[in-house]
């Protein structure tokens, strides 16, 4: 019996969520640098741009498309084939150009994005994800029979590699509110000398929220995590915040946990709990 040998590079996508306007943060994946990694447009600000750079040592072509993704309550994303009630997608009201680029090593390209508001557009937040796909390289030549190992069939399968970022279009005067469920707070071990502070956040209102979470024991900062989002229409998100190496949480500790949106000074959600 012959053995089928497959050499495979798996498809990889990164759903990035870094707030627009943070100059030090970029995402690099599949030899492609993307900045910013989160685009938000409104009725007053209907244009945006995303810059990409080919960080590989070879010329590369990238195909660009808008795709629909759904956020799960653990923060992961899944592709959407059938929309659920309340889901609003931006691919029908957002235009972008170009749709394909070929870049030399180190070269860059600006992707221009426009929010086109059609008549009678329903108020709300619309989101799709801008996907950059590097098409697979040509499949390697299958060796001639005399070159093959006995009883082995060799085949190379090379899949697409890509990265996606959220593109959000907000229409209307939208607000958002959030809360932290104190009953959900718990500390879990995450390996040797590592802890994760877990809690459940809830969102209400017409737009998504995006920001950072921090926990204090008295005046001491004991846990911190950045870039947590709850996208519409989701109302719940399970958040895991790494405990700092310098801190160790235990039963009976009193904590103040706060979630603050990027660009804001006051917390959007805050609670005080005693670890059980």
C-alpha atoms as a PDB file:
ATOM      1  CA  UNK A   1       0.000   0.000   0.000  1.00  0.00           C
ATOM      2  CA  UNK A   2       1.318   3.425  -0.949  1.00  0.00           C
ATOM      3  CA  UNK A   3       1.688   6.208   1.603  1.00  0.00           C
ATOM      4  CA  UNK A   4       0.303   9.629   0.670  1.00  0.00           C
ATOM      5  CA  UNK A   5       2.643  12.284   2.037  1.00  0.00           C
ATOM      6  CA  UNK A   6       1.111  15.777   2.370  1.00  0.00           C
ATOM      7  CA  UNK A   7       3.193  18.867   3.075  1.00  0.00           C
ATOM      8  CA  UNK A   8       0.693  21.526   4.089  1.00  0.00           C
ATOM      9  CA  UNK A   9       0.798  25.178   5.109  1.00  0.00           C
ATOM     10  CA  UNK A  10      -2.441  25.927   6.918  1.00  0.00           C
ATOM     11  CA  UNK A  11      -4.657  28.942   6.308  1.00  0.00           C
ATOM     12  CA  UNK A  12      -4.103  31.587   8.972  1.00  0.00           C
ATOM     13  CA  UNK A  13      -6.112  34.721   9.678  1.00  0.00           C
ATOM     14  CA  UNK A  14      -5.728  37.291  12.398  1.00  0.00           C
ATOM     15  CA  UNK A  15      -8.743  39.260  13.531  1.00  0.00           C
ATOM     16  CA  UNK A  16      -7.081  42.340  14.827  1.00  0.00           C
ATOM     17  CA  UNK A  17      -8.679  44.901  17.095  1.00  0.00           C
ATOM     18  CA  UNK A  18      -6.319  47.757  17.828  1.00  0.00           C
ATOM     19  CA  UNK A  19      -7.882  51.173  18.115  1.00  0.00           C
ATOM     20  CA  UNK A  20      -7.346  53.635  15.301  1.00  0.00           C
ATOM     21  CA  UNK A  21      -5.066  56.462  16.393  1.00  0.00           C
ATOM     22  CA  UNK A  22      -2.635  54.354  18.421  1.00  0.00           C
ATOM     23  CA  UNK A  23       0.616  55.118  16.552  1.00  0.00           C
ATOM     24  CA  UNK A  24       2.804  52.414  18.099  1.00  0.00           C
ATOM     25  CA  UNK A  25       0.572  49.437  17.379  1.00  0.00           C
ATOM     26  CA  UNK A  26       0.536  47.447  14.166  1.00  0.00           C
ATOM     27  CA  UNK A  27      -0.179  43.875  13.198  1.00  0.00           C
ATOM     28  CA  UNK A  28       2.313  41.778  11.257  1.00  0.00           C
ATOM     29  CA  UNK A  29       1.196  38.468   9.785  1.00  0.00           C
ATOM     30  CA  UNK A  30       1.936  36.544   6.628  1.00  0.00           C
ATOM     31  CA  UNK A  31       4.838  38.954   5.910  1.00  0.00           C
ATOM     32  CA  UNK A  32       2.383  41.854   5.800  1.00  0.00           C
ATOM     33  CA  UNK A  33       2.305  44.858   8.137  1.00  0.00           C
ATOM     34  CA  UNK A  34      -1.057  46.591   8.560  1.00  0.00           C
ATOM     35  CA  UNK A  35      -1.797  49.925  10.283  1.00  0.00           C
ATOM     36  CA  UNK A  36      -4.168  50.898  11.766  1.00  0.00           C
ATOM     37  CA  UNK A  37      -5.723  47.585  12.699  1.00  0.00           C
ATOM     38  CA  UNK A  38      -9.181  48.895  13.529  1.00  0.00           C
ATOM     39  CA  UNK A  39     -11.124  51.391  11.448  1.00  0.00           C
ATOM     40  CA  UNK A  40     -14.115  53.365  12.738  1.00  0.00           C
ATOM     41  CA  UNK A  41     -16.094  55.749  10.502  1.00  0.00           C
ATOM     42  CA  UNK A  42     -19.116  57.885  11.373  1.00  0.00           C
ATOM     43  CA  UNK A  43     -21.575  60.245   9.705  1.00  0.00           C
ATOM     44  CA  UNK A  44     -19.064  63.048  10.334  1.00  0.00           C
ATOM     45  CA  UNK A  45     -15.941  61.093   9.426  1.00  0.00           C
ATOM     46  CA  UNK A  46     -16.757  59.039   6.335  1.00  0.00           C
ATOM     47  CA  UNK A  47     -13.286  58.326   5.025  1.00  0.00           C
ATOM     48  CA  UNK A  48     -10.319  56.382   6.350  1.00  0.00           C
ATOM     49  CA  UNK A  49      -7.181  54.720   5.114  1.00  0.00           C
ATOM     50  CA  UNK A  50      -5.165  51.622   5.950  1.00  0.00           C
ATOM     51  CA  UNK A  51      -1.464  51.348   5.119  1.00  0.00           C
ATOM     52  CA  UNK A  52       0.129  48.006   4.329  1.00  0.00           C
ATOM     53  CA  UNK A  53       3.801  47.083   3.869  1.00  0.00           C
ATOM     54  CA  UNK A  54       5.305  43.943   2.381  1.00  0.00           C
ATOM     55  CA  UNK A  55       7.830  42.912   5.045  1.00  0.00           C
ATOM     56  CA  UNK A  56       9.006  39.802   3.195  1.00  0.00           C
ATOM     57  CA  UNK A  57      12.098  39.459   1.033  1.00  0.00           C
ATOM     58  CA  UNK A  58      10.085  38.674  -2.087  1.00  0.00           C
ATOM     59  CA  UNK A  59       7.562  40.435  -4.299  1.00  0.00           C
ATOM     60  CA  UNK A  60       4.042  39.570  -3.157  1.00  0.00           C
ATOM     61  CA  UNK A  61       0.490  40.044  -4.386  1.00  0.00           C
ATOM     62  CA  UNK A  62      -2.385  40.599  -1.948  1.00  0.00           C
ATOM     63  CA  UNK A  63      -6.075  40.377  -2.726  1.00  0.00           C
ATOM     64  CA  UNK A  64      -8.329  42.608  -0.622  1.00  0.00           C
ATOM     65  CA  UNK A  65     -11.979  41.950   0.211  1.00  0.00           C
ATOM     66  CA  UNK A  66     -14.640  42.732   2.808  1.00  0.00           C
ATOM     67  CA  UNK A  67     -15.923  39.664   4.639  1.00  0.00           C
ATOM     68  CA  UNK A  68     -18.524  39.051   7.323  1.00  0.00           C
ATOM     69  CA  UNK A  69     -17.434  37.758  10.719  1.00  0.00           C
ATOM     70  CA  UNK A  70     -19.274  37.147  13.970  1.00  0.00           C
ATOM     71  CA  UNK A  71     -17.725  37.592  17.405  1.00  0.00           C
ATOM     72  CA  UNK A  72     -18.326  34.845  19.959  1.00  0.00           C
ATOM     73  CA  UNK A  73     -18.620  35.541  23.683  1.00  0.00           C
ATOM     74  CA  UNK A  74     -15.017  34.386  24.195  1.00  0.00           C
ATOM     75  CA  UNK A  75     -13.701  36.982  21.743  1.00  0.00           C
ATOM     76  CA  UNK A  76     -13.052  34.611  18.857  1.00  0.00           C
ATOM     77  CA  UNK A  77     -14.458  35.176  15.356  1.00  0.00           C
ATOM     78  CA  UNK A  78     -16.273  32.912  12.930  1.00  0.00           C
ATOM     79  CA  UNK A  79     -17.260  33.434   9.309  1.00  0.00           C
ATOM     80  CA  UNK A  80     -20.906  34.338   8.702  1.00  0.00           C
ATOM     81  CA  UNK A  81     -22.958  32.599   6.043  1.00  0.00           C
ATOM     82  CA  UNK A  82     -26.437  33.412   7.365  1.00  0.00           C
ATOM     83  CA  UNK A  83     -26.939  36.682   9.291  1.00  0.00           C
ATOM     84  CA  UNK A  84     -28.652  36.495  12.649  1.00  0.00           C
ATOM     85  CA  UNK A  85     -31.220  39.034  13.911  1.00  0.00           C
ATOM     86  CA  UNK A  86     -29.582  42.341  14.762  1.00  0.00           C
ATOM     87  CA  UNK A  87     -26.418  41.779  12.744  1.00  0.00           C
ATOM     88  CA  UNK A  88     -25.537  44.694  10.454  1.00  0.00           C
ATOM     89  CA  UNK A  89     -22.661  44.353   8.007  1.00  0.00           C
ATOM     90  CA  UNK A  90     -20.650  47.120   6.388  1.00  0.00           C
ATOM     91  CA  UNK A  91     -19.724  45.466   3.097  1.00  0.00           C
ATOM     92  CA  UNK A  92     -22.782  46.930   1.338  1.00  0.00           C
ATOM     93  CA  UNK A  93     -22.174  50.544   2.453  1.00  0.00           C
ATOM     94  CA  UNK A  94     -18.368  50.700   2.593  1.00  0.00           C
ATOM     95  CA  UNK A  95     -16.257  51.091  -0.557  1.00  0.00           C
ATOM     96  CA  UNK A  96     -12.511  50.631  -0.782  1.00  0.00           C
ATOM     97  CA  UNK A  97      -9.704  50.776  -3.327  1.00  0.00           C
ATOM     98  CA  UNK A  98      -7.582  49.113  -4.607  1.00  0.00           C
ATOM     99  CA  UNK A  99      -8.800  45.510  -4.443  1.00  0.00           C
ATOM    100  CA  UNK A 100      -5.462  43.924  -5.310  1.00  0.00           C
ATOM    101  CA  UNK A 101      -1.878  45.122  -4.963  1.00  0.00           C
ATOM    102  CA  UNK A 102       1.529  43.762  -5.899  1.00  0.00           C
ATOM    103  CA  UNK A 103       4.338  44.999  -3.675  1.00  0.00           C
ATOM    104  CA  UNK A 104       8.100  44.739  -3.929  1.00  0.00           C
ATOM    105  CA  UNK A 105       9.988  43.853  -0.703  1.00  0.00           C
ATOM    106  CA  UNK A 106       9.644  46.746   1.734  1.00  0.00           C
ATOM    107  CA  UNK A 107       7.138  48.579  -0.463  1.00  0.00           C
ATOM    108  CA  UNK A 108       3.826  49.896   0.834  1.00  0.00           C
ATOM    109  CA  UNK A 109       0.353  50.776  -0.361  1.00  0.00           C
ATOM    110  CA  UNK A 110      -2.491  52.897   1.015  1.00  0.00           C
ATOM    111  CA  UNK A 111      -5.978  51.375   0.969  1.00  0.00           C
ATOM    112  CA  UNK A 112      -8.615  54.126   0.861  1.00  0.00           C
ATOM    113  CA  UNK A 113     -11.981  53.444   2.505  1.00  0.00           C
ATOM    114  CA  UNK A 114     -15.253  55.369   2.217  1.00  0.00           C
ATOM    115  CA  UNK A 115     -18.530  55.108   4.133  1.00  0.00           C
ATOM    116  CA  UNK A 116     -21.364  55.816   1.670  1.00  0.00           C
ATOM    117  CA  UNK A 117     -24.636  56.511   3.488  1.00  0.00           C
ATOM    118  CA  UNK A 118     -27.602  55.521   1.299  1.00  0.00           C
ATOM    119  CA  UNK A 119     -31.031  57.168   1.735  1.00  0.00           C
ATOM    120  CA  UNK A 120     -33.122  55.745   4.571  1.00  0.00           C
ATOM    121  CA  UNK A 121     -30.212  53.784   6.062  1.00  0.00           C
ATOM    122  CA  UNK A 122     -31.302  52.319   9.400  1.00  0.00           C
ATOM    123  CA  UNK A 123     -29.523  53.803  12.393  1.00  0.00           C
ATOM    124  CA  UNK A 124     -26.931  51.550  13.930  1.00  0.00           C
ATOM    125  CA  UNK A 125     -23.415  50.170  13.745  1.00  0.00           C
ATOM    126  CA  UNK A 126     -22.325  48.222  10.676  1.00  0.00           C
ATOM    127  CA  UNK A 127     -19.209  46.042  10.706  1.00  0.00           C
ATOM    128  CA  UNK A 128     -17.332  43.877   8.255  1.00  0.00           C
ATOM    129  CA  UNK A 129     -13.669  42.829   8.143  1.00  0.00           C
ATOM    130  CA  UNK A 130     -11.103  43.927   5.579  1.00  0.00           C
ATOM    131  CA  UNK A 131      -9.291  40.752   4.568  1.00  0.00           C
ATOM    132  CA  UNK A 132      -5.842  40.712   2.974  1.00  0.00           C
ATOM    133  CA  UNK A 133      -5.101  37.405   1.281  1.00  0.00           C
ATOM    134  CA  UNK A 134      -1.785  36.347  -0.187  1.00  0.00           C
ATOM    135  CA  UNK A 135      -2.668  33.804  -2.901  1.00  0.00           C
ATOM    136  CA  UNK A 136      -0.857  30.466  -2.614  1.00  0.00           C
ATOM    137  CA  UNK A 137       2.378  29.950  -4.442  1.00  0.00           C
ATOM    138  CA  UNK A 138       2.383  27.524  -7.310  1.00  0.00           C
ATOM    139  CA  UNK A 139       2.187  23.898  -6.232  1.00  0.00           C
ATOM    140  CA  UNK A 140       5.584  22.321  -6.380  1.00  0.00           C
ATOM    141  CA  UNK A 141       6.212  19.893  -9.199  1.00  0.00           C
ATOM    142  CA  UNK A 142       5.432  16.310  -8.241  1.00  0.00           C
ATOM    143  CA  UNK A 143       8.599  14.233  -8.744  1.00  0.00           C
ATOM    144  CA  UNK A 144       8.795  11.821 -11.648  1.00  0.00           C
ATOM    145  CA  UNK A 145       8.252   8.182 -10.795  1.00  0.00           C
ATOM    146  CA  UNK A 146      11.948   7.414 -10.929  1.00  0.00           C
ATOM    147  CA  UNK A 147      12.607  10.294  -8.470  1.00  0.00           C
ATOM    148  CA  UNK A 148      10.039   9.191  -5.889  1.00  0.00           C
ATOM    149  CA  UNK A 149      10.757   7.141  -2.827  1.00  0.00           C
ATOM    150  CA  UNK A 150       9.373   3.609  -3.036  1.00  0.00           C
ATOM    151  CA  UNK A 151       5.708   3.371  -2.007  1.00  0.00           C
ATOM    152  CA  UNK A 152       5.447   7.115  -1.362  1.00  0.00           C
ATOM    153  CA  UNK A 153       3.420   9.695  -3.289  1.00  0.00           C
ATOM    154  CA  UNK A 154       4.593  13.236  -2.557  1.00  0.00           C
ATOM    155  CA  UNK A 155       2.322  16.256  -2.855  1.00  0.00           C
ATOM    156  CA  UNK A 156       2.670  19.842  -1.687  1.00  0.00           C
ATOM    157  CA  UNK A 157      -0.520  21.679  -0.700  1.00  0.00           C
ATOM    158  CA  UNK A 158      -0.058  25.397  -0.039  1.00  0.00           C
ATOM    159  CA  UNK A 159      -3.060  27.286   1.351  1.00  0.00           C
ATOM    160  CA  UNK A 160      -3.844  30.997   1.476  1.00  0.00           C
ATOM    161  CA  UNK A 161      -2.395  33.106   4.278  1.00  0.00           C
ATOM    162  CA  UNK A 162      -4.214  36.240   5.329  1.00  0.00           C
ATOM    163  CA  UNK A 163      -4.993  38.872   7.934  1.00  0.00           C
ATOM    164  CA  UNK A 164      -8.258  40.700   8.622  1.00  0.00           C
ATOM    165  CA  UNK A 165      -9.147  43.872  10.522  1.00  0.00           C
ATOM    166  CA  UNK A 166     -12.580  45.207  11.564  1.00  0.00           C
ATOM    167  CA  UNK A 167     -14.072  48.089   9.581  1.00  0.00           C
ATOM    168  CA  UNK A 168     -16.902  49.815  11.453  1.00  0.00           C
ATOM    169  CA  UNK A 169     -19.411  52.344  10.084  1.00  0.00           C
ATOM    170  CA  UNK A 170     -21.683  54.101  12.606  1.00  0.00           C
ATOM    171  CA  UNK A 171     -24.866  55.845  11.488  1.00  0.00           C
ATOM    172  CA  UNK A 172     -26.860  57.965  13.895  1.00  0.00           C
ATOM    173  CA  UNK A 173     -26.345  59.168  17.442  1.00  0.00           C
ATOM    174  CA  UNK A 174     -25.218  55.920  19.077  1.00  0.00           C
ATOM    175  CA  UNK A 175     -24.395  55.318  22.716  1.00  0.00           C
ATOM    176  CA  UNK A 176     -23.033  52.354  24.629  1.00  0.00           C
ATOM    177  CA  UNK A 177     -23.053  51.277  28.269  1.00  0.00           C
ATOM    178  CA  UNK A 178     -21.214  48.453  29.999  1.00  0.00           C
ATOM    179  CA  UNK A 179     -21.083  46.643  33.326  1.00  0.00           C
ATOM    180  CA  UNK A 180     -18.920  44.013  35.001  1.00  0.00           C
ATOM    181  CA  UNK A 181     -20.742  41.141  36.669  1.00  0.00           C
ATOM    182  CA  UNK A 182     -19.193  40.885  40.173  1.00  0.00           C
ATOM    183  CA  UNK A 183     -20.515  37.350  40.646  1.00  0.00           C
ATOM    184  CA  UNK A 184     -18.500  36.194  37.616  1.00  0.00           C
ATOM    185  CA  UNK A 185     -15.088  37.279  38.914  1.00  0.00           C
ATOM    186  CA  UNK A 186     -12.666  34.415  39.541  1.00  0.00           C
ATOM    187  CA  UNK A 187      -8.939  33.713  39.459  1.00  0.00           C
ATOM    188  CA  UNK A 188      -7.673  30.723  37.500  1.00  0.00           C
ATOM    189  CA  UNK A 189      -4.225  29.209  37.282  1.00  0.00           C
ATOM    190  CA  UNK A 190      -2.581  29.424  33.861  1.00  0.00           C
ATOM    191  CA  UNK A 191       0.535  27.369  34.351  1.00  0.00           C
ATOM    192  CA  UNK A 192       3.419  27.667  36.764  1.00  0.00           C
ATOM    193  CA  UNK A 193       3.249  30.960  38.694  1.00  0.00           C
ATOM    194  CA  UNK A 194       0.716  32.417  36.247  1.00  0.00           C
ATOM    195  CA  UNK A 195      -2.829  33.531  36.963  1.00  0.00           C
ATOM    196  CA  UNK A 196      -5.684  34.902  34.880  1.00  0.00           C
ATOM    197  CA  UNK A 197      -8.417  37.120  36.309  1.00  0.00           C
ATOM    198  CA  UNK A 198     -11.697  36.170  34.580  1.00  0.00           C
ATOM    199  CA  UNK A 199     -14.974  38.071  34.583  1.00  0.00           C
ATOM    200  CA  UNK A 200     -18.040  38.674  32.410  1.00  0.00           C
ATOM    201  CA  UNK A 201     -18.752  42.041  30.822  1.00  0.00           C
ATOM    202  CA  UNK A 202     -22.149  43.112  29.529  1.00  0.00           C
ATOM    203  CA  UNK A 203     -22.841  45.719  26.849  1.00  0.00           C
ATOM    204  CA  UNK A 204     -26.010  47.631  26.018  1.00  0.00           C
ATOM    205  CA  UNK A 205     -26.725  50.385  23.503  1.00  0.00           C
ATOM    206  CA  UNK A 206     -26.366  50.907  19.785  1.00  0.00           C
ATOM    207  CA  UNK A 207     -22.602  50.630  19.302  1.00  0.00           C
ATOM    208  CA  UNK A 208     -19.713  48.366  20.183  1.00  0.00           C
ATOM    209  CA  UNK A 209     -17.165  49.067  22.902  1.00  0.00           C
ATOM    210  CA  UNK A 210     -13.384  48.702  22.786  1.00  0.00           C
ATOM    211  CA  UNK A 211     -10.843  49.349  25.490  1.00  0.00           C
ATOM    212  CA  UNK A 212      -8.593  48.119  28.275  1.00  0.00           C
ATOM    213  CA  UNK A 213      -9.195  46.386  31.608  1.00  0.00           C
ATOM    214  CA  UNK A 214      -7.213  46.812  34.804  1.00  0.00           C
ATOM    215  CA  UNK A 215      -7.544  45.508  38.367  1.00  0.00           C
ATOM    216  CA  UNK A 216      -6.247  47.052  41.592  1.00  0.00           C
ATOM    217  CA  UNK A 217      -5.717  45.631  45.087  1.00  0.00           C
ATOM    218  CA  UNK A 218      -5.810  48.843  47.059  1.00  0.00           C
ATOM    219  CA  UNK A 219      -3.483  51.149  45.117  1.00  0.00           C
ATOM    220  CA  UNK A 220      -1.481  48.249  43.675  1.00  0.00           C
ATOM    221  CA  UNK A 221      -2.131  47.347  40.051  1.00  0.00           C
ATOM    222  CA  UNK A 222      -2.384  43.553  39.959  1.00  0.00           C
ATOM    223  CA  UNK A 223      -3.806  42.710  36.519  1.00  0.00           C
ATOM    224  CA  UNK A 224      -3.960  44.412  33.149  1.00  0.00           C
ATOM    225  CA  UNK A 225      -5.225  43.541  29.664  1.00  0.00           C
ATOM    226  CA  UNK A 226      -5.550  45.625  26.516  1.00  0.00           C
ATOM    227  CA  UNK A 227      -7.758  45.627  23.443  1.00  0.00           C
ATOM    228  CA  UNK A 228     -11.015  43.993  24.582  1.00  0.00           C
ATOM    229  CA  UNK A 229     -14.062  44.532  22.374  1.00  0.00           C
ATOM    230  CA  UNK A 230     -17.728  43.652  22.475  1.00  0.00           C
ATOM    231  CA  UNK A 231     -19.106  44.078  18.974  1.00  0.00           C
ATOM    232  CA  UNK A 232     -22.769  44.546  18.162  1.00  0.00           C
ATOM    233  CA  UNK A 233     -25.124  42.790  18.422  1.00  0.00           C
ATOM    234  CA  UNK A 234     -23.281  40.888  21.186  1.00  0.00           C
ATOM    235  CA  UNK A 235     -24.212  41.807  24.733  1.00  0.00           C
ATOM    236  CA  UNK A 236     -21.826  39.543  26.681  1.00  0.00           C
ATOM    237  CA  UNK A 237     -18.071  38.958  26.626  1.00  0.00           C
ATOM    238  CA  UNK A 238     -15.948  36.713  28.816  1.00  0.00           C
ATOM    239  CA  UNK A 239     -12.742  38.589  29.595  1.00  0.00           C
ATOM    240  CA  UNK A 240      -9.472  37.079  30.794  1.00  0.00           C
ATOM    241  CA  UNK A 241      -6.935  39.567  32.162  1.00  0.00           C
ATOM    242  CA  UNK A 242      -3.370  38.382  32.928  1.00  0.00           C
ATOM    243  CA  UNK A 243      -2.256  38.889  36.529  1.00  0.00           C
ATOM    244  CA  UNK A 244       1.056  40.721  36.720  1.00  0.00           C
ATOM    245  CA  UNK A 245       4.120  38.659  37.591  1.00  0.00           C
ATOM    246  CA  UNK A 246       4.756  40.906  40.580  1.00  0.00           C
ATOM    247  CA  UNK A 247       1.321  40.119  42.032  1.00  0.00           C
ATOM    248  CA  UNK A 248      -0.312  36.943  43.298  1.00  0.00           C
ATOM    249  CA  UNK A 249      -4.042  36.903  43.956  1.00  0.00           C
ATOM    250  CA  UNK A 250      -5.594  34.795  46.697  1.00  0.00           C
ATOM    251  CA  UNK A 251      -8.924  34.187  48.380  1.00  0.00           C
ATOM    252  CA  UNK A 252     -10.098  37.172  50.396  1.00  0.00           C
ATOM    253  CA  UNK A 253      -8.343  39.812  48.292  1.00  0.00           C
ATOM    254  CA  UNK A 254     -10.485  42.872  47.603  1.00  0.00           C
ATOM    255  CA  UNK A 255     -10.223  44.053  43.986  1.00  0.00           C
ATOM    256  CA  UNK A 256     -11.418  47.028  42.014  1.00  0.00           C
ATOM    257  CA  UNK A 257     -11.820  46.161  38.331  1.00  0.00           C
ATOM    258  CA  UNK A 258     -12.293  48.871  35.710  1.00  0.00           C
ATOM    259  CA  UNK A 259     -12.828  48.860  31.940  1.00  0.00           C
ATOM    260  CA  UNK A 260     -12.007  52.097  30.076  1.00  0.00           C
ATOM    261  CA  UNK A 261     -12.605  52.793  26.414  1.00  0.00           C
ATOM    262  CA  UNK A 262      -9.636  53.942  24.353  1.00  0.00           C
ATOM    263  CA  UNK A 263      -9.306  57.697  24.345  1.00  0.00           C
ATOM    264  CA  UNK A 264     -11.426  58.124  27.491  1.00  0.00           C
ATOM    265  CA  UNK A 265     -10.295  59.000  31.013  1.00  0.00           C
ATOM    266  CA  UNK A 266     -13.211  57.702  33.065  1.00  0.00           C
ATOM    267  CA  UNK A 267     -14.090  53.983  33.238  1.00  0.00           C
ATOM    268  CA  UNK A 268     -17.102  52.826  31.265  1.00  0.00           C
ATOM    269  CA  UNK A 269     -17.590  49.913  33.693  1.00  0.00           C
ATOM    270  CA  UNK A 270     -16.290  49.348  37.215  1.00  0.00           C
ATOM    271  CA  UNK A 271     -16.912  46.981  40.121  1.00  0.00           C
ATOM    272  CA  UNK A 272     -15.417  46.040  43.505  1.00  0.00           C
ATOM    273  CA  UNK A 273     -15.336  42.402  44.606  1.00  0.00           C
ATOM    274  CA  UNK A 274     -13.767  40.077  47.151  1.00  0.00           C
ATOM    275  CA  UNK A 275     -12.193  36.949  45.646  1.00  0.00           C
ATOM    276  CA  UNK A 276     -14.013  33.861  46.862  1.00  0.00           C
END
